[in-house]
Amino acid sequence: MENFSDLKFHKFMDGIAASVTYGEYELSVVQHSSSYGGNGGLYEIAVFKGHEMLEMPGITEDGDTVKGWLTEDAVTGIMKKMIAIGGP
């Protein structure tokens, strides 16, 4: 999956969530009242390896495991980076 439109969302908390596996990594995309930007219609992502959230250079900022306030286009950009890191 390489585009936001490919994501299959399900109900999560009071919003939505989707996840995609790229090799040994999983990208989580959420939007709900507690997510960064969720109340404004924006998305938050996190990268997991197993059950552990990771800092991911080029995806999240140093010292942070999540990135918020993302548009659909920004999520697509991250998905393309994840393909380059972990494979399709």
Protein backbone atom coordinates (compact mmCIF):
# COMPACT_ATOMS: atom_id res chain seq x y z
CA MET A 1 0.00 0.00 0.00
CA GLU A 2 1.46 3.30 -1.01
CA ASN A 3 -1.39 5.83 -1.02
CA PHE A 4 -3.71 7.15 1.66
CA SER A 5 -6.67 5.99 -0.44
CA ASP A 6 -5.42 2.38 -0.10
CA LEU A 7 -5.90 2.41 3.70
CA LYS A 8 -8.76 0.36 5.17
CA PHE A 9 -9.99 2.20 8.27
CA HIS A 10 -11.99 0.70 11.11
CA LYS A 11 -13.66 2.28 14.12
CA PHE A 12 -11.20 3.05 16.90
CA MET A 13 -12.06 4.88 20.13
CA ASP A 14 -14.23 7.80 18.91
CA GLY A 15 -12.57 7.89 15.48
CA ILE A 16 -10.79 5.66 12.99
CA ALA A 17 -7.57 3.67 12.62
CA ALA A 18 -5.72 1.72 9.96
CA SER A 19 -2.42 -0.13 9.86
CA VAL A 20 -0.10 -1.32 7.11
CA THR A 21 2.83 -3.74 7.32
CA TYR A 22 6.07 -2.89 5.53
CA GLY A 23 8.54 -5.73 6.07
CA GLU A 24 9.19 -5.94 9.81
CA TYR A 25 7.49 -2.58 10.50
CA GLU A 26 3.87 -1.62 10.94
CA LEU A 27 2.59 1.89 10.24
CA SER A 28 -0.41 2.92 12.33
CA VAL A 29 -2.61 5.80 11.13
CA VAL A 30 -5.25 7.18 13.50
CA GLN A 31 -7.69 10.04 13.81
CA HIS A 32 -9.68 10.53 17.02
CA SER A 33 -10.29 13.18 19.66
CA SER A 34 -7.04 12.36 21.52
CA SER A 35 -4.76 12.11 18.46
CA TYR A 36 -2.56 15.02 17.41
CA GLY A 37 -4.71 16.93 14.91
CA GLY A 38 -7.66 14.56 15.14
CA ASN A 39 -10.15 17.23 16.17
CA GLY A 40 -9.13 19.20 13.06
CA GLY A 41 -9.62 16.28 10.66
CA LEU A 42 -5.88 15.51 10.52
CA TYR A 43 -4.04 12.25 11.17
CA GLU A 44 -1.39 10.89 13.54
CA ILE A 45 1.04 8.10 12.69
CA ALA A 46 3.30 5.79 14.67
CA VAL A 47 5.71 3.08 13.56
CA PHE A 48 5.88 -0.26 15.37
CA LYS A 49 8.31 -3.16 15.29
CA GLY A 50 6.55 -6.00 17.05
CA HIS A 51 4.72 -4.37 19.94
CA GLU A 52 7.24 -1.55 20.38
CA MET A 53 6.72 1.97 19.04
CA LEU A 54 9.89 3.29 17.43
CA GLU A 55 11.53 6.54 16.53
CA MET A 56 11.98 6.29 12.77
CA PRO A 57 14.48 8.69 11.17
CA GLY A 58 12.84 10.46 8.26
CA ILE A 59 9.37 9.56 9.57
CA THR A 60 9.21 10.80 13.19
CA GLU A 61 11.24 13.52 14.88
CA ASP A 62 14.23 12.70 17.11
CA GLY A 63 12.99 11.74 20.56
CA ASP A 64 9.42 11.16 19.42
CA THR A 65 7.58 8.00 18.38
CA VAL A 66 4.50 9.65 16.86
CA LYS A 67 3.91 12.36 14.30
CA GLY A 68 0.66 14.27 14.16
CA TRP A 69 -1.22 17.01 12.37
CA LEU A 70 -0.79 15.18 9.03
CA THR A 71 -2.87 15.67 5.89
CA GLU A 72 -3.84 12.75 3.65
CA ASP A 73 -1.03 13.78 1.27
CA ALA A 74 1.50 13.81 4.12
CA VAL A 75 0.40 10.29 5.15
CA THR A 76 0.87 9.16 1.53
CA GLY A 77 4.41 10.58 1.61
CA ILE A 78 5.16 8.63 4.80
CA MET A 79 3.73 5.45 3.27
CA LYS A 80 6.10 5.82 0.30
CA LYS A 81 9.05 6.29 2.70
CA MET A 82 7.98 3.16 4.59
CA ILE A 83 8.09 1.16 1.32
CA ALA A 84 11.67 2.36 0.81
CA ILE A 85 12.59 1.38 4.40
CA GLY A 86 10.72 -1.90 4.86
CA GLY A 87 9.56 -2.99 1.43
CA PRO A 88 6.06 -3.17 -0.05
